[in-house]
Amino acid sequence: MCIIVPISTWAVYFAGLLEENGVAADGEGIGLYISAIPYMAYAWFALLIVFLVAYGILGDWGPMKKAEKRAKLVTLFLKHLLKNN
């Protein structure tokens, strides 16, 4: 997510690269980087997926689905074990 946060070290690094490679004038790299943030589709898509999964709209899939199921089973087992002691 640091790609869409202009106060991160990634933004400063990338701004420096823009200036060093002649894409932006000296001192204008961070401005160019900030103006490009709306077009950073992968970061926005990833952020959307995070919220969809967190709110339960989009379920878990792949290895995470198995891990979540295992975690729920272990939690139930531990609760049962503690309840009986």
Protein backbone atom coordinates (compact mmCIF):
# COMPACT_ATOMS: atom_id res chain seq x y z
CA MET A 1 0.00 0.00 0.00
CA CYS A 2 2.98 2.32 0.34
CA ILE A 3 2.73 2.96 -3.38
CA ILE A 4 -0.39 5.14 -2.88
CA VAL A 5 0.90 6.96 0.22
CA PRO A 6 3.01 9.92 -0.94
CA ILE A 7 4.73 10.37 2.45
CA SER A 8 6.42 6.95 2.30
CA THR A 9 10.07 6.28 1.58
CA TRP A 10 8.98 4.47 -1.59
CA ALA A 11 7.48 7.71 -2.95
CA VAL A 12 10.67 9.63 -2.21
CA TYR A 13 12.80 6.89 -3.80
CA PHE A 14 10.61 6.72 -6.88
CA ALA A 15 10.50 10.51 -7.19
CA GLY A 16 14.29 10.49 -7.15
CA LEU A 17 14.32 7.92 -9.94
CA LEU A 18 11.94 10.06 -12.00
CA GLU A 19 14.25 13.04 -11.65
CA GLU A 20 17.47 11.09 -12.17
CA ASN A 21 16.21 9.53 -15.39
CA GLY A 22 14.96 12.80 -16.84
CA VAL A 23 11.26 11.99 -16.63
CA ALA A 24 10.71 14.91 -14.24
CA ALA A 25 12.63 18.15 -13.77
CA ASP A 26 14.75 18.59 -10.64
CA GLY A 27 12.48 19.09 -7.63
CA GLU A 28 9.38 17.99 -9.56
CA GLY A 29 9.64 14.22 -9.06
CA ILE A 30 7.36 14.01 -6.05
CA GLY A 31 4.72 16.15 -7.78
CA LEU A 32 4.77 13.85 -10.79
CA TYR A 33 4.58 10.82 -8.50
CA ILE A 34 1.57 12.26 -6.64
CA SER A 35 -0.20 13.07 -9.90
CA ALA A 36 0.28 9.43 -11.01
CA ILE A 37 -1.29 7.90 -7.85
CA PRO A 38 -4.84 7.75 -9.31
CA TYR A 39 -3.49 5.59 -12.15
CA MET A 40 -1.80 2.99 -9.92
CA ALA A 41 -4.49 0.40 -10.58
CA TYR A 42 -2.85 -2.56 -8.82
CA ALA A 43 -2.60 -0.73 -5.50
CA TRP A 44 -6.22 0.47 -5.64
CA PHE A 45 -7.42 -3.01 -6.64
CA ALA A 46 -5.44 -4.59 -3.79
CA LEU A 47 -6.91 -2.09 -1.32
CA LEU A 48 -10.41 -2.88 -2.57
CA ILE A 49 -9.79 -6.62 -2.14
CA VAL A 50 -8.58 -6.05 1.44
CA PHE A 51 -11.81 -4.31 2.39
CA LEU A 52 -14.00 -6.85 0.59
CA VAL A 53 -12.32 -9.72 2.44
CA ALA A 54 -12.33 -7.87 5.78
CA TYR A 55 -16.08 -7.19 5.56
CA GLY A 56 -16.84 -10.75 4.49
CA ILE A 57 -18.18 -9.76 1.09
CA LEU A 58 -15.43 -11.70 -0.65
CA GLY A 59 -14.62 -15.00 1.01
CA ASP A 60 -11.23 -16.56 1.48
CA TRP A 61 -9.81 -18.65 -1.35
CA GLY A 62 -6.80 -20.86 -2.03
CA PRO A 63 -4.36 -21.61 0.78
CA MET A 64 -5.89 -18.92 2.99
CA LYS A 65 -9.24 -20.73 2.95
CA LYS A 66 -7.60 -23.86 4.34
CA ALA A 67 -5.66 -21.87 6.93
CA GLU A 68 -8.78 -20.05 8.14
CA LYS A 69 -10.67 -23.34 8.46
CA ARG A 70 -7.78 -24.87 10.43
CA ALA A 71 -7.59 -21.84 12.73
CA LYS A 72 -11.32 -22.05 13.48
CA LEU A 73 -11.05 -25.76 14.28
CA VAL A 74 -8.10 -25.21 16.62
CA THR A 75 -9.94 -22.37 18.36
CA LEU A 76 -13.01 -24.55 18.88
CA PHE A 77 -10.84 -27.38 20.18
CA LEU A 78 -9.02 -25.13 22.65
CA LYS A 79 -12.28 -23.60 23.89
CA HIS A 80 -13.70 -27.09 24.44
CA LEU A 81 -10.51 -28.21 26.17
CA LEU A 82 -10.44 -25.19 28.51
CA LYS A 83 -14.15 -25.49 29.23
CA ASN A 84 -13.77 -29.10 30.41
CA ASN A 85 -10.85 -28.38 32.78
